[in-house]
Amino acid sequence: MDDGRLVLCPVTMNHVASEDRNGRVARANGAYWRRLEIRLASVCDDLMVLMVDGWLDSRGVGRERELFEATGKPITFLKPGAPLSSADPTDRPN
């Protein structure tokens, strides 16, 4: 955001939006997340993956990576706390 990028974070945006005033949470099923991932991948220029605990095992991150790879859009992997300027889109972890 500091460098002018428009940022979407599906997990944080949707988890907050799913809570009602009484703190109850609506549970979104896998079909919901897949529809959201497909829609976002169609309009986003690139994917930035924050490599926090569990990111490599996340089915959602895996599907997002597949969508971006299939369309040839760049994917950048970011280590927590590392400056964005140190990110290398060619450095792909397994």
Protein backbone atom coordinates (compact mmCIF):
# COMPACT_ATOMS: atom_id res chain seq x y z
CA MET A 1 0.00 0.00 0.00
CA ASP A 2 2.88 2.35 0.77
CA ASP A 3 4.00 2.22 -2.85
CA GLY A 4 0.51 2.79 -4.25
CA ARG A 5 -0.56 -0.81 -4.84
CA LEU A 6 -4.23 -1.65 -4.51
CA VAL A 7 -4.34 -4.54 -2.04
CA LEU A 8 -7.00 -7.20 -1.51
CA CYS A 9 -6.70 -9.79 1.23
CA PRO A 10 -9.57 -12.26 0.92
CA VAL A 11 -9.06 -13.91 4.30
CA THR A 12 -9.00 -10.79 6.44
CA MET A 13 -11.70 -9.03 4.44
CA ASN A 14 -14.11 -11.94 4.49
CA HIS A 15 -13.53 -13.11 8.04
CA VAL A 16 -14.39 -9.67 9.40
CA ALA A 17 -17.34 -9.28 7.04
CA SER A 18 -18.77 -12.65 8.08
CA GLU A 19 -19.25 -11.62 11.72
CA ASP A 20 -22.56 -10.17 12.76
CA ARG A 21 -23.08 -7.70 15.61
CA ASN A 22 -23.40 -10.51 18.14
CA GLY A 23 -20.05 -12.03 17.19
CA ARG A 24 -21.57 -14.98 15.34
CA VAL A 25 -19.65 -16.04 12.26
CA ALA A 26 -21.19 -17.23 9.02
CA ARG A 27 -19.28 -20.24 7.74
CA ALA A 28 -18.37 -20.07 4.07
CA ASN A 29 -18.00 -23.41 2.32
CA GLY A 30 -15.34 -24.37 -0.21
CA ALA A 31 -17.55 -23.42 -3.16
CA TYR A 32 -17.78 -19.85 -1.85
CA TRP A 33 -13.98 -19.54 -1.56
CA ARG A 34 -13.43 -21.04 -5.02
CA ARG A 35 -15.85 -18.56 -6.61
CA LEU A 36 -14.10 -15.71 -4.82
CA GLU A 37 -10.63 -16.93 -5.85
CA ILE A 38 -11.65 -17.24 -9.50
CA ARG A 39 -13.21 -13.78 -9.55
CA LEU A 40 -10.24 -12.10 -7.85
CA ALA A 41 -7.72 -13.89 -10.08
CA SER A 42 -9.59 -12.63 -13.14
CA VAL A 43 -9.22 -8.98 -12.15
CA CYS A 44 -5.93 -8.89 -10.22
CA ASP A 45 -2.63 -8.19 -11.93
CA ASP A 46 -0.49 -10.31 -9.64
CA LEU A 47 -0.54 -12.47 -6.52
CA MET A 48 1.58 -11.82 -3.47
CA VAL A 49 1.78 -14.71 -1.01
CA LEU A 50 2.75 -13.85 2.55
CA MET A 51 4.65 -16.90 3.77
CA VAL A 52 3.18 -17.11 7.27
CA ASP A 53 2.80 -20.38 9.19
CA GLY A 54 0.57 -22.75 7.24
CA TRP A 55 0.68 -20.94 3.90
CA LEU A 56 2.23 -23.89 2.10
CA ASP A 57 -0.50 -26.26 3.35
CA SER A 58 -3.36 -23.86 2.60
CA ARG A 59 -5.71 -25.26 -0.04
CA GLY A 60 -6.85 -21.72 -0.85
CA VAL A 61 -3.34 -20.43 -1.45
CA GLY A 62 -2.67 -23.52 -3.57
CA ARG A 63 -5.75 -22.85 -5.72
CA GLU A 64 -4.83 -19.17 -6.05
CA ARG A 65 -1.32 -20.08 -7.16
CA GLU A 66 -2.73 -22.49 -9.77
CA LEU A 67 -5.07 -19.82 -11.12
CA PHE A 68 -2.29 -17.26 -11.48
CA GLU A 69 0.16 -19.77 -12.93
CA ALA A 70 -2.43 -20.87 -15.53
CA THR A 71 -2.85 -17.30 -16.75
CA GLY A 72 0.85 -16.43 -16.60
CA LYS A 73 0.29 -13.68 -14.04
CA PRO A 74 3.21 -13.04 -11.67
CA ILE A 75 3.35 -14.52 -8.19
CA THR A 76 5.62 -13.04 -5.54
CA PHE A 77 6.42 -14.77 -2.24
CA LEU A 78 7.00 -12.52 0.76
CA LYS A 79 8.67 -13.49 4.01
CA PRO A 80 7.01 -11.92 7.07
CA GLY A 81 8.81 -8.74 8.08
CA ALA A 82 10.89 -8.57 4.91
CA PRO A 83 10.66 -5.38 2.88
CA LEU A 84 8.67 -5.61 -0.32
CA SER A 85 11.73 -4.43 -2.22
CA SER A 86 13.45 -7.72 -1.31
CA ALA A 87 10.70 -9.83 -2.90
CA ASP A 88 11.71 -11.76 -5.98
CA PRO A 89 8.86 -13.01 -8.20
CA THR A 90 11.21 -15.58 -9.76
CA ASP A 91 12.04 -17.16 -6.39
CA ARG A 92 9.31 -19.83 -6.13
CA PRO A 93 9.26 -22.11 -3.11
CA ASN A 94 7.96 -25.66 -3.52
